[in-house]
N, C-alpha and C. Protein backbone atom coordinates (compact mmCIF):
# COMPACT_ATOMS: atom_id res chain seq x y z
N UNK A 1 0.56 -1.14 0.24
CA UNK A 1 -0.02 -0.14 -0.29
C UNK A 1 1.09 0.70 0.35
N UNK A 2 0.66 2.12 -0.71
CA UNK A 2 1.73 3.32 -0.80
C UNK A 2 0.94 4.36 0.32
N UNK A 3 2.23 5.09 0.38
CA UNK A 3 2.05 5.93 1.80
C UNK A 3 0.75 6.59 1.40
N UNK A 4 -0.33 6.99 2.54
CA UNK A 4 -1.18 8.01 2.16
C UNK A 4 -1.16 9.26 3.39
N UNK A 5 -1.84 10.26 3.29
CA UNK A 5 -1.48 11.18 4.24
C UNK A 5 -2.50 10.69 5.02
N UNK A 6 -2.22 10.83 6.38
CA UNK A 6 -2.80 10.60 7.68
C UNK A 6 -4.61 10.94 7.52
N UNK A 7 -4.83 12.27 6.75
CA UNK A 7 -6.33 12.57 7.03
C UNK A 7 -6.97 11.67 5.54
N UNK A 8 -6.18 11.19 4.78
CA UNK A 8 -6.54 10.20 3.49
C UNK A 8 -6.85 8.99 4.33
N UNK A 9 -6.23 8.41 5.15
CA UNK A 9 -5.97 7.06 6.08
C UNK A 9 -7.74 7.61 7.15
N UNK A 10 -7.92 8.16 7.52
CA UNK A 10 -8.89 8.87 8.28
C UNK A 10 -10.20 8.19 7.91
N UNK A 11 -10.17 9.29 6.88
CA UNK A 11 -11.18 9.23 5.95
C UNK A 11 -11.50 7.88 5.10
N UNK A 12 -10.50 6.59 4.65
CA UNK A 12 -10.71 5.51 4.59
C UNK A 12 -11.27 4.61 5.49
N UNK A 13 -10.57 4.78 6.65
CA UNK A 13 -11.26 4.29 7.99
C UNK A 13 -12.36 4.41 8.76
N UNK A 14 -12.76 5.67 8.23
CA UNK A 14 -14.31 6.30 8.64
C UNK A 14 -15.28 5.50 7.87
N UNK A 15 -15.05 5.48 6.16
CA UNK A 15 -15.49 5.14 5.24
C UNK A 15 -15.99 3.41 5.39
N UNK A 16 -14.97 2.67 5.55
CA UNK A 16 -15.15 1.32 5.80
C UNK A 16 -15.99 0.97 7.25
N UNK A 17 -15.39 1.59 7.99
CA UNK A 17 -16.06 0.97 9.43
C UNK A 17 -17.68 1.03 9.43
N UNK A 18 -17.78 2.42 8.55
CA UNK A 18 -19.57 2.72 8.07
C UNK A 18 -19.78 1.49 7.44
N UNK A 19 -19.29 1.58 6.37
CA UNK A 19 -19.70 0.33 5.29
C UNK A 19 -19.72 -1.09 5.62
N UNK A 20 -18.86 -1.44 6.83
CA UNK A 20 -18.79 -2.73 7.10
C UNK A 20 -20.14 -2.93 8.24
N UNK A 21 -19.98 -1.96 9.31
CA UNK A 21 -21.47 -2.07 10.14
C UNK A 21 -22.45 -2.10 9.62
N UNK A 22 -22.41 -1.18 8.56
CA UNK A 22 -23.74 -1.04 7.73
C UNK A 22 -24.23 -2.31 6.97
N UNK A 23 -23.20 -3.12 6.62
CA UNK A 23 -23.05 -4.67 5.91
C UNK A 23 -23.79 -5.34 6.91
N UNK A 24 -23.35 -5.52 8.16
CA UNK A 24 -23.85 -6.15 9.02
C UNK A 24 -25.17 -5.85 9.71
N UNK A 25 -25.53 -4.76 9.32
CA UNK A 25 -26.93 -4.28 9.92
C UNK A 25 -26.66 -4.06 11.66
N UNK A 26 -25.66 -3.24 11.75
CA UNK A 26 -25.59 -3.00 13.20
C UNK A 26 -25.31 -1.75 13.72
N UNK A 27 -25.77 -1.50 14.39
CA UNK A 27 -25.32 0.08 15.07
C UNK A 27 -24.23 0.51 15.64
N UNK A 28 -24.44 1.78 15.90
CA UNK A 28 -22.74 2.08 16.62
C UNK A 28 -22.96 1.40 18.09
N UNK A 29 -23.55 1.14 18.20
CA UNK A 29 -23.27 1.02 20.28
C UNK A 29 -23.64 -0.51 19.95
N UNK A 30 -24.17 -1.49 18.88
CA UNK A 30 -23.88 -3.12 18.98
C UNK A 30 -21.96 -3.13 18.54
N UNK A 31 -21.57 -2.23 17.58
CA UNK A 31 -19.95 -2.36 16.98
C UNK A 31 -18.87 -2.13 17.84
N UNK A 32 -19.69 -1.03 18.94
CA UNK A 32 -18.78 -0.74 20.11
C UNK A 32 -18.73 -1.34 21.19
N UNK A 33 -20.00 -1.90 21.80
CA UNK A 33 -20.13 -3.36 22.26
C UNK A 33 -19.04 -4.56 22.11
N UNK A 34 -19.26 -4.99 20.64
CA UNK A 34 -18.56 -6.21 20.17
C UNK A 34 -16.78 -5.89 20.49
N UNK A 35 -16.41 -4.30 20.17
CA UNK A 35 -15.38 -4.04 20.29
C UNK A 35 -14.77 -3.89 21.25
N UNK A 36 -15.30 -3.97 22.38
CA UNK A 36 -15.08 -3.25 23.55
C UNK A 36 -14.58 -1.93 23.84
N UNK A 37 -15.38 -0.87 22.90
CA UNK A 37 -15.08 0.45 23.18
C UNK A 37 -16.12 1.25 23.26
N UNK A 38 -15.87 2.40 23.83
CA UNK A 38 -17.02 3.65 24.09
C UNK A 38 -17.58 4.02 22.58
N UNK A 39 -19.14 4.09 22.85
CA UNK A 39 -19.46 4.40 21.43
C UNK A 39 -18.94 5.83 21.04
N UNK A 40 -18.54 6.44 21.61
CA UNK A 40 -18.30 7.67 21.66
C UNK A 40 -16.99 7.99 20.90
N UNK A 41 -15.91 6.81 21.06
CA UNK A 41 -14.63 7.11 20.43
C UNK A 41 -14.79 6.33 18.96
N UNK A 42 -15.92 5.27 18.61
CA UNK A 42 -16.26 5.01 17.54
C UNK A 42 -17.23 6.10 16.82
N UNK A 43 -17.80 6.69 17.05
CA UNK A 43 -18.26 7.72 16.72
C UNK A 43 -17.36 9.03 16.08
N UNK A 44 -16.45 9.15 16.71
CA UNK A 44 -15.34 9.93 16.70
C UNK A 44 -14.46 9.67 15.66
N UNK A 45 -14.24 7.92 15.13
CA UNK A 45 -13.52 7.24 14.33
C UNK A 45 -13.94 7.69 13.10
N UNK A 46 -15.65 6.74 13.23
CA UNK A 46 -16.98 6.89 11.85
C UNK A 46 -16.58 8.91 11.37
N UNK A 47 -16.52 9.42 11.93
CA UNK A 47 -16.43 11.12 11.42
C UNK A 47 -15.20 11.60 10.64
N UNK A 48 -14.23 10.36 11.07
CA UNK A 48 -13.14 10.69 10.34
C UNK A 48 -12.05 11.81 10.70
N UNK A 49 -12.39 11.81 12.27
CA UNK A 49 -11.83 12.73 13.34
C UNK A 49 -10.96 12.37 14.01
N UNK A 50 -11.24 10.60 14.19
CA UNK A 50 -10.35 10.00 15.32
C UNK A 50 -8.75 9.99 14.65
N UNK A 51 -8.14 9.51 15.30
CA UNK A 51 -6.53 8.80 15.34
C UNK A 51 -6.61 7.66 16.44
N UNK A 52 -7.37 6.69 16.15
CA UNK A 52 -7.13 5.34 16.65
C UNK A 52 -5.74 5.15 16.79
N UNK A 53 -5.94 4.00 18.02
CA UNK A 53 -4.41 3.46 18.77
C UNK A 53 -4.56 2.03 17.98
N UNK A 54 -3.58 1.43 17.95
CA UNK A 54 -3.23 0.06 17.16
C UNK A 54 -4.37 -0.75 18.10
N UNK A 55 -4.33 -0.82 19.29
CA UNK A 55 -5.57 -1.72 20.00
C UNK A 55 -6.73 -1.42 19.43
N UNK A 56 -6.72 -0.36 19.35
CA UNK A 56 -8.23 0.02 19.18
C UNK A 56 -8.61 -0.44 17.45
N UNK A 57 -7.91 -0.21 16.63
CA UNK A 57 -8.01 -0.87 15.53
C UNK A 57 -7.71 -2.60 15.22
N UNK A 58 -7.15 -2.78 16.60
CA UNK A 58 -7.22 -4.57 16.38
C UNK A 58 -8.78 -4.91 16.86
N UNK A 59 -9.23 -4.29 18.02
CA UNK A 59 -10.48 -4.62 18.59
C UNK A 59 -11.47 -4.19 17.68
N UNK A 60 -11.43 -3.02 16.63
CA UNK A 60 -12.59 -3.23 15.57
C UNK A 60 -12.42 -4.46 14.06
N UNK A 61 -11.51 -4.36 14.02
CA UNK A 61 -11.09 -5.29 13.18
C UNK A 61 -11.44 -6.73 13.15
N UNK A 62 -11.18 -7.28 14.43
CA UNK A 62 -11.61 -8.60 15.34
C UNK A 62 -13.33 -8.32 15.32
N UNK A 63 -13.58 -7.71 16.14
CA UNK A 63 -15.43 -6.99 15.84
C UNK A 63 -15.87 -7.48 14.39
N UNK A 64 -15.09 -6.73 13.68
CA UNK A 64 -16.22 -7.11 12.32
C UNK A 64 -15.80 -8.24 11.34
N UNK A 65 -14.48 -8.64 11.82
CA UNK A 65 -14.24 -10.21 10.98
C UNK A 65 -13.30 -9.54 9.95
N UNK A 66 -12.65 -8.65 9.46
CA UNK A 66 -11.29 -8.54 8.82
C UNK A 66 -10.35 -7.93 9.47
N UNK A 67 -8.97 -8.10 8.11
CA UNK A 67 -8.07 -7.46 8.77
C UNK A 67 -8.04 -6.27 9.27
N UNK A 68 -7.01 -5.50 9.95
CA UNK A 68 -6.64 -4.34 9.97
C UNK A 68 -6.30 -3.55 8.57
N UNK A 69 -5.65 -4.53 7.98
CA UNK A 69 -5.57 -3.50 6.24
C UNK A 69 -6.70 -3.10 5.76
N UNK A 70 -7.62 -4.13 5.79
CA UNK A 70 -8.79 -3.72 5.00
C UNK A 70 -9.24 -2.79 5.84
N UNK A 71 -9.45 -2.48 7.07
CA UNK A 71 -9.81 -1.42 7.76
C UNK A 71 -9.07 0.12 7.18
N UNK A 72 -8.18 0.21 6.90
CA UNK A 72 -7.23 1.25 6.47
C UNK A 72 -6.88 1.48 4.92
N UNK A 73 -7.32 0.59 4.15
CA UNK A 73 -7.48 0.58 2.75
C UNK A 73 -8.24 1.37 2.87
N UNK A 74 -8.08 1.98 1.03
CA UNK A 74 -9.08 2.75 0.07
C UNK A 74 -9.92 2.04 -0.29
N UNK A 75 -11.09 2.45 0.22
CA UNK A 75 -12.60 1.78 0.01
C UNK A 75 -12.73 1.19 -1.15
N UNK A 76 -13.28 -0.01 -1.42
CA UNK A 76 -13.80 -0.82 -2.82
C UNK A 76 -14.83 -0.70 -2.85
N UNK A 77 -15.44 -0.58 -4.55
CA UNK A 77 -16.40 -0.33 -4.75
C UNK A 77 -17.25 -1.46 -4.78
N UNK A 78 -18.20 -1.21 -4.56
CA UNK A 78 -19.31 -2.44 -3.76
C UNK A 78 -19.32 -3.62 -5.28
N UNK A 79 -19.08 -3.20 -6.48
CA UNK A 79 -19.18 -4.05 -7.63
C UNK A 79 -17.79 -4.28 -7.93
N UNK A 80 -17.48 -5.35 -8.59
CA UNK A 80 -16.07 -5.61 -8.91
C UNK A 80 -16.17 -6.79 -9.97
N UNK A 81 -15.85 -6.17 -11.37
CA UNK A 81 -15.81 -7.41 -12.73
C UNK A 81 -14.53 -7.44 -12.82
N UNK A 82 -14.31 -9.21 -12.68
CA UNK A 82 -12.78 -9.78 -13.31
C UNK A 82 -13.13 -10.51 -14.45
N UNK A 83 -12.59 -9.58 -15.47
CA UNK A 83 -12.46 -10.05 -16.83
C UNK A 83 -12.09 -11.62 -17.11
N UNK A 84 -12.65 -12.29 -17.78
CA UNK A 84 -12.20 -13.84 -17.63
C UNK A 84 -10.95 -14.11 -17.84
N UNK A 85 -10.02 -13.01 -18.55
CA UNK A 85 -8.48 -13.49 -18.93
C UNK A 85 -7.72 -13.24 -17.67
N UNK A 86 -8.25 -12.50 -16.52
CA UNK A 86 -7.52 -11.86 -15.18
C UNK A 86 -8.06 -12.75 -14.04
N UNK A 87 -9.18 -13.99 -14.25
CA UNK A 87 -9.03 -14.79 -13.15
C UNK A 87 -8.27 -15.64 -13.07
N UNK A 88 -7.37 -15.61 -11.78
CA UNK A 88 -6.31 -16.44 -11.37
C UNK A 88 -6.58 -18.06 -11.83
N UNK A 89 -5.90 -18.56 -12.24
CA UNK A 89 -6.09 -20.32 -12.84
C UNK A 89 -4.34 -21.15 -12.35
N UNK A 90 -4.73 -22.04 -11.66
CA UNK A 90 -3.47 -22.70 -11.70
C UNK A 90 -3.46 -24.01 -12.10
N UNK A 91 -2.95 -24.66 -12.64
CA UNK A 91 -2.74 -25.64 -13.71
C UNK A 91 -2.18 -26.95 -12.54
N UNK A 92 -2.91 -27.94 -12.55
CA UNK A 92 -2.67 -29.09 -11.37
C UNK A 92 -2.47 -30.38 -12.44
N UNK A 93 -2.10 -31.71 -11.86
CA UNK A 93 -1.99 -33.09 -12.62
C UNK A 93 -1.44 -32.74 -13.87
N UNK A 94 0.02 -32.27 -14.07
CA UNK A 94 0.41 -31.94 -15.34
C UNK A 94 0.17 -31.16 -16.50
N UNK A 95 -0.95 -30.47 -15.97
CA UNK A 95 -1.82 -29.36 -17.14
C UNK A 95 -2.88 -29.89 -16.97
N UNK A 96 -3.85 -30.70 -17.02
CA UNK A 96 -4.85 -31.85 -17.27
C UNK A 96 -5.82 -31.44 -16.33
N UNK A 97 -5.74 -30.53 -15.33
CA UNK A 97 -6.72 -30.03 -14.61
C UNK A 97 -6.63 -28.46 -14.63
N UNK A 98 -7.45 -27.79 -14.79
CA UNK A 98 -7.31 -26.07 -14.31
C UNK A 98 -8.18 -25.78 -13.57
N UNK A 99 -7.76 -24.80 -12.49
CA UNK A 99 -8.41 -24.74 -10.99
C UNK A 99 -8.62 -22.82 -11.27
N UNK A 100 -9.97 -22.52 -11.57
CA UNK A 100 -9.85 -21.24 -11.57
C UNK A 100 -10.56 -20.84 -9.92
N UNK A 101 -9.72 -19.68 -9.35
CA UNK A 101 -10.55 -18.79 -8.29
C UNK A 101 -11.48 -17.64 -8.84
N UNK A 102 -12.28 -18.18 -8.31
CA UNK A 102 -13.83 -17.07 -8.75
C UNK A 102 -13.95 -16.12 -7.55
N UNK A 103 -13.31 -16.64 -6.58
CA UNK A 103 -13.51 -15.64 -5.54
C UNK A 103 -12.63 -14.71 -4.81
N UNK A 104 -12.74 -13.22 -5.49
CA UNK A 104 -11.46 -12.50 -5.84
C UNK A 104 -11.16 -11.96 -4.12
N UNK A 105 -12.30 -11.93 -3.14
CA UNK A 105 -11.85 -11.57 -2.04
C UNK A 105 -11.39 -12.80 -1.03
N UNK A 106 -10.34 -12.45 -0.23
CA UNK A 106 -9.82 -13.74 0.98
C UNK A 106 -10.96 -14.05 1.78
N UNK A 107 -11.34 -14.79 1.66
CA UNK A 107 -12.44 -15.10 3.18
C UNK A 107 -11.61 -16.56 3.70
N UNK A 108 -11.28 -16.27 5.06
CA UNK A 108 -11.10 -17.06 5.78
C UNK A 108 -12.02 -18.38 5.51
N UNK A 109 -11.48 -19.64 4.95
CA UNK A 109 -12.07 -21.18 4.91
C UNK A 109 -12.97 -20.95 3.95
N UNK A 110 -12.97 -20.08 3.05
CA UNK A 110 -14.24 -20.16 2.42
C UNK A 110 -13.57 -20.19 0.72
N UNK A 111 -13.89 -21.06 -0.26
CA UNK A 111 -13.34 -20.96 -1.81
C UNK A 111 -14.35 -21.36 -2.67
N UNK A 112 -14.54 -20.68 -3.81
CA UNK A 112 -15.33 -21.22 -4.89
C UNK A 112 -14.37 -21.06 -6.36
N UNK A 113 -14.68 -22.24 -6.58
CA UNK A 113 -13.50 -22.71 -7.90
C UNK A 113 -14.14 -22.96 -8.96
N UNK A 114 -13.65 -22.83 -10.15
CA UNK A 114 -14.31 -23.62 -11.01
C UNK A 114 -12.91 -24.52 -11.61
N UNK A 115 -13.35 -26.14 -12.04
CA UNK A 115 -12.80 -27.08 -12.17
C UNK A 115 -12.90 -27.70 -13.56
N UNK A 116 -11.67 -27.59 -14.31
CA UNK A 116 -11.81 -28.34 -15.85
C UNK A 116 -10.79 -29.40 -15.90
N UNK A 117 -11.61 -30.72 -16.00
CA UNK A 117 -10.52 -31.94 -15.88
C UNK A 117 -10.76 -32.30 -17.62
N UNK A 118 -9.47 -32.25 -18.04
CA UNK A 118 -9.45 -32.96 -19.67
C UNK A 118 -9.81 -34.67 -19.74
N UNK A 119 -10.20 -35.16 -20.42
CA UNK A 119 -10.63 -36.43 -20.57
C UNK A 119 -9.59 -37.26 -20.03
N UNK A 120 -10.15 -38.21 -18.98
CA UNK A 120 -9.34 -39.03 -18.10
C UNK A 120 -8.34 -38.67 -17.31
N UNK A 121 -8.60 -37.46 -16.97
CA UNK A 121 -7.75 -36.53 -15.90
C UNK A 121 -8.20 -36.79 -14.61
N UNK A 122 -7.18 -36.82 -13.57
CA UNK A 122 -7.99 -36.75 -12.25
C UNK A 122 -7.14 -35.52 -11.10
N UNK A 123 -7.19 -35.73 -10.05
CA UNK A 123 -6.71 -34.72 -9.15
C UNK A 123 -7.11 -34.69 -7.92
N UNK A 124 -5.76 -35.21 -7.06
CA UNK A 124 -6.47 -35.21 -5.60
C UNK A 124 -6.69 -33.51 -4.96
N UNK A 125 -7.73 -33.86 -4.32
CA UNK A 125 -8.28 -32.32 -3.22
C UNK A 125 -7.52 -32.12 -2.04
N UNK A 126 -7.29 -31.43 -1.55
CA UNK A 126 -6.91 -31.10 -0.03
C UNK A 126 -7.71 -30.80 1.19
N UNK A 127 -7.50 -31.78 1.91
CA UNK A 127 -8.83 -31.74 3.41
C UNK A 127 -8.83 -30.49 3.38
N UNK A 128 -9.99 -29.98 3.77
CA UNK A 128 -9.85 -28.35 4.65
C UNK A 128 -9.99 -28.75 5.75
N UNK A 129 -10.21 -27.87 6.95
CA UNK A 129 -10.40 -27.68 8.16
C UNK A 129 -11.68 -28.48 8.81
N UNK A 130 -11.55 -29.14 9.73
CA UNK A 130 -12.80 -29.84 10.39
C UNK A 130 -14.31 -28.68 10.15
N UNK A 131 -15.10 -29.32 10.13
CA UNK A 131 -16.18 -28.70 9.97
C UNK A 131 -16.92 -27.95 8.84
N UNK A 132 -15.72 -28.10 7.98
CA UNK A 132 -15.91 -27.55 6.04
C UNK A 132 -16.45 -28.28 5.56
N UNK A 133 -17.76 -27.76 5.04
CA UNK A 133 -18.68 -28.94 3.64
C UNK A 133 -17.98 -28.03 2.80
N UNK A 134 -17.85 -29.29 1.61
CA UNK A 134 -17.43 -28.78 0.41
C UNK A 134 -19.02 -29.30 -1.02
N UNK A 135 -18.97 -28.55 -1.73
CA UNK A 135 -20.29 -28.69 -2.54
C UNK A 135 -19.82 -28.70 -4.08
N UNK A 136 -19.81 -29.07 -4.60
CA UNK A 136 -19.34 -29.70 -5.97
C UNK A 136 -20.87 -29.46 -7.23
N UNK A 137 -20.87 -28.92 -8.25
CA UNK A 137 -21.89 -28.27 -9.33
C UNK A 137 -21.19 -29.42 -10.28
N UNK A 138 -21.38 -30.15 -10.93
CA UNK A 138 -21.12 -30.61 -12.18
C UNK A 138 -22.04 -29.67 -13.19
N UNK A 139 -21.27 -29.06 -13.79
CA UNK A 139 -21.88 -27.94 -15.44
C UNK A 139 -21.63 -28.88 -16.88
N UNK A 140 -20.68 -29.86 -16.80
CA UNK A 140 -20.56 -30.15 -17.95
C UNK A 140 -19.97 -31.80 -17.89
N UNK A 141 -20.49 -33.04 -18.83
CA UNK A 141 -19.68 -34.09 -18.36
C UNK A 141 -20.44 -34.76 -17.20
N UNK A 142 -19.05 -35.72 -16.06
CA UNK A 142 -18.97 -36.38 -15.40
C UNK A 142 -17.72 -36.59 -14.17
N UNK A 143 -18.08 -36.42 -13.05
CA UNK A 143 -16.87 -35.93 -12.36
C UNK A 143 -16.96 -37.72 -11.16
N UNK A 144 -15.86 -38.27 -11.07
CA UNK A 144 -16.17 -39.16 -9.96
C UNK A 144 -15.49 -38.74 -9.07
N UNK A 145 -16.28 -38.37 -8.00
CA UNK A 145 -15.37 -38.08 -6.56
C UNK A 145 -15.24 -38.83 -5.14
N UNK A 146 -14.21 -39.08 -5.08
CA UNK A 146 -13.55 -40.23 -4.22
C UNK A 146 -13.53 -39.68 -2.73
N UNK A 147 -14.83 -40.31 -1.89
CA UNK A 147 -14.01 -39.49 -0.38
C UNK A 147 -14.08 -40.39 0.36
N UNK A 148 -13.08 -40.59 1.17
CA UNK A 148 -12.37 -41.33 2.27
C UNK A 148 -13.07 -43.03 1.86
N UNK A 149 -12.23 -43.21 0.37
CA UNK A 149 -12.14 -44.73 -0.29
C UNK A 149 -13.62 -44.66 -1.06
N UNK A 150 -14.71 -44.15 -0.62
CA UNK A 150 -15.79 -44.28 -1.53
C UNK A 150 -16.10 -43.36 -2.92
N UNK A 151 -16.49 -44.07 -3.72
CA UNK A 151 -16.72 -43.23 -5.15
C UNK A 151 -18.42 -42.74 -5.50
N UNK A 152 -18.30 -41.42 -5.99
CA UNK A 152 -19.43 -40.90 -5.82
C UNK A 152 -19.81 -40.20 -7.58
N UNK A 153 -20.16 -40.75 -8.49
CA UNK A 153 -20.45 -40.16 -9.77
C UNK A 153 -21.13 -39.04 -9.88
N UNK A 154 -20.68 -37.70 -9.72
CA UNK A 154 -21.46 -36.94 -9.84
C UNK A 154 -21.64 -36.54 -11.61
N UNK A 155 -23.19 -36.25 -12.05
CA UNK A 155 -23.24 -36.00 -13.47
C UNK A 155 -24.06 -34.67 -13.81
N UNK A 156 -23.50 -34.32 -14.94
CA UNK A 156 -24.21 -32.93 -15.31
C UNK A 156 -25.36 -32.52 -14.56
N UNK A 157 -25.62 -31.27 -13.90
CA UNK A 157 -26.85 -30.66 -13.04
C UNK A 157 -27.11 -31.39 -11.83
N UNK A 158 -25.96 -32.34 -11.35
CA UNK A 158 -26.05 -32.98 -9.91
C UNK A 158 -25.03 -31.75 -8.61
N UNK A 159 -25.48 -31.66 -7.51
CA UNK A 159 -24.92 -31.42 -6.99
C UNK A 159 -24.43 -32.27 -5.31
N UNK A 160 -23.16 -32.37 -5.30
CA UNK A 160 -22.60 -33.38 -4.23
C UNK A 160 -21.83 -32.97 -3.27
N UNK A 161 -22.55 -32.86 -2.16
CA UNK A 161 -22.17 -32.13 -0.99
C UNK A 161 -21.29 -33.60 0.09
N UNK A 162 -20.18 -32.73 0.59
CA UNK A 162 -19.21 -33.62 1.23
C UNK A 162 -18.59 -32.80 2.18
N UNK A 163 -18.21 -33.83 3.71
CA UNK A 163 -17.45 -33.42 4.44
C UNK A 163 -15.96 -32.53 3.83
N UNK A 164 -15.62 -31.69 3.82
CA UNK A 164 -14.21 -31.11 3.51
C UNK A 164 -13.17 -31.45 3.73
N UNK A 165 -13.30 -31.74 5.31
CA UNK A 165 -12.43 -32.56 5.81
C UNK A 165 -11.82 -33.58 5.78
N UNK A 166 -12.35 -34.38 5.13
CA UNK A 166 -12.05 -35.59 4.83
C UNK A 166 -11.32 -35.92 3.53
N UNK A 167 -10.47 -36.92 3.05
CA UNK A 167 -9.49 -37.13 1.98
C UNK A 167 -10.52 -37.25 1.20
N UNK A 168 -10.04 -36.84 -0.16
CA UNK A 168 -10.98 -36.30 -1.55
C UNK A 168 -10.17 -36.22 -2.59
N UNK A 169 -10.65 -37.12 -3.71
CA UNK A 169 -9.95 -36.54 -5.11
C UNK A 169 -10.96 -36.43 -5.78
N UNK A 170 -10.41 -36.28 -7.46
CA UNK A 170 -11.89 -35.89 -8.24
C UNK A 170 -11.31 -36.55 -9.78
N UNK A 171 -11.62 -37.33 -10.70
CA UNK A 171 -11.57 -38.03 -11.49
C UNK A 171 -12.56 -37.38 -12.67
N UNK A 172 -12.18 -37.49 -13.45
CA UNK A 172 -13.29 -37.28 -14.95
C UNK A 172 -13.22 -38.66 -15.64
N UNK A 173 -14.13 -39.37 -15.88
CA UNK A 173 -14.00 -40.89 -16.15
C UNK A 173 -14.25 -41.14 -17.73
N UNK A 174 -14.61 -39.94 -18.34
CA UNK A 174 -14.91 -40.00 -20.00
C UNK A 174 -13.77 -39.44 -20.61
N UNK A 175 -14.19 -40.03 -21.86
CA UNK A 175 -13.46 -39.24 -23.17
C UNK A 175 -13.66 -37.49 -23.53
N UNK A 176 -14.41 -37.05 -22.72
CA UNK A 176 -14.53 -35.56 -22.92
C UNK A 176 -14.85 -35.14 -21.68
N UNK A 177 -14.39 -33.48 -21.92
CA UNK A 177 -14.00 -32.72 -21.01
C UNK A 177 -14.90 -33.04 -20.12
N UNK A 178 -14.86 -32.50 -18.34
CA UNK A 178 -15.59 -32.34 -17.33
C UNK A 178 -15.51 -30.75 -17.07
N UNK A 179 -16.47 -30.04 -16.46
CA UNK A 179 -16.37 -28.81 -16.02
C UNK A 179 -17.21 -29.00 -14.66
N UNK A 180 -16.56 -28.33 -13.22
CA UNK A 180 -17.86 -28.60 -12.00
C UNK A 180 -17.21 -27.41 -11.34
N UNK A 181 -17.81 -26.95 -10.47
CA UNK A 181 -17.72 -25.41 -9.50
C UNK A 181 -17.75 -26.42 -8.23
N UNK A 182 -16.63 -25.85 -7.59
CA UNK A 182 -16.27 -26.48 -6.04
C UNK A 182 -16.47 -25.19 -5.08
N UNK A 183 -17.60 -25.57 -4.10
CA UNK A 183 -17.82 -24.40 -3.48
C UNK A 183 -17.29 -25.18 -1.90
N UNK A 184 -16.17 -24.35 -1.05
CA UNK A 184 -15.67 -24.79 0.11
C UNK A 184 -16.27 -23.47 1.20
N UNK A 185 -17.67 -23.86 2.07
CA UNK A 185 -17.39 -23.12 3.25
C UNK A 185 -17.13 -23.67 4.90
N UNK A 186 -16.70 -22.87 5.62
CA UNK A 186 -16.88 -23.58 7.02
C UNK A 186 -18.62 -23.60 7.86
N UNK A 187 -18.92 -24.33 8.22
CA UNK A 187 -20.18 -24.96 8.72
C UNK A 187 -20.01 -24.66 10.29
N UNK A 188 -21.11 -23.71 10.73
CA UNK A 188 -20.75 -23.54 12.10
C UNK A 188 -21.22 -24.61 12.87
N UNK A 189 -20.52 -24.69 14.00
CA UNK A 189 -20.88 -25.84 15.40
C UNK A 189 -22.09 -25.52 15.28
N UNK A 190 -23.22 -26.26 15.49
CA UNK A 190 -24.18 -26.57 16.06
C UNK A 190 -24.34 -26.76 17.98
N UNK A 191 -24.87 -26.18 18.30
CA UNK A 191 -25.38 -25.77 19.72
C UNK A 191 -26.01 -27.13 20.33
């Protein structure tokens, strides 16, 4: 991040706090309580006039579930278009599987990827954190998913849900390409 004048950073912080608080539909008092700060301190920071301590920035970022850098960065537009040519892609299995990262924001424990498997290609999956659920939607062809030693054929239009923390892999058993979307999300523990 290039160095910004303190007044600009204060403005960014104020805008980001108001935006993030609004996204969660929280009042200033609710955020202040969660961050264990006086509401007047939050009001002062959100006005763009505050010069919060690092400790207060850490408390606010923890309460909002974002990094301190997100609070201090130039506010992003609510909309973002990523041209197809700029979507990050990783080649796996000697280039026979392409994995496109469809989630431009870094969200801990969450991933959305497009998998393109060449005919007869296979790829090992990475077990995720305990409590993670993975959903696979096949858009084209068939993908065989192996989870904990069991095989599950997933055909075009099918959605397959499985525990993401299990050992798993993907295979295209057909002589035509297969395309699927993988969504990985942490599932909150139920009380």
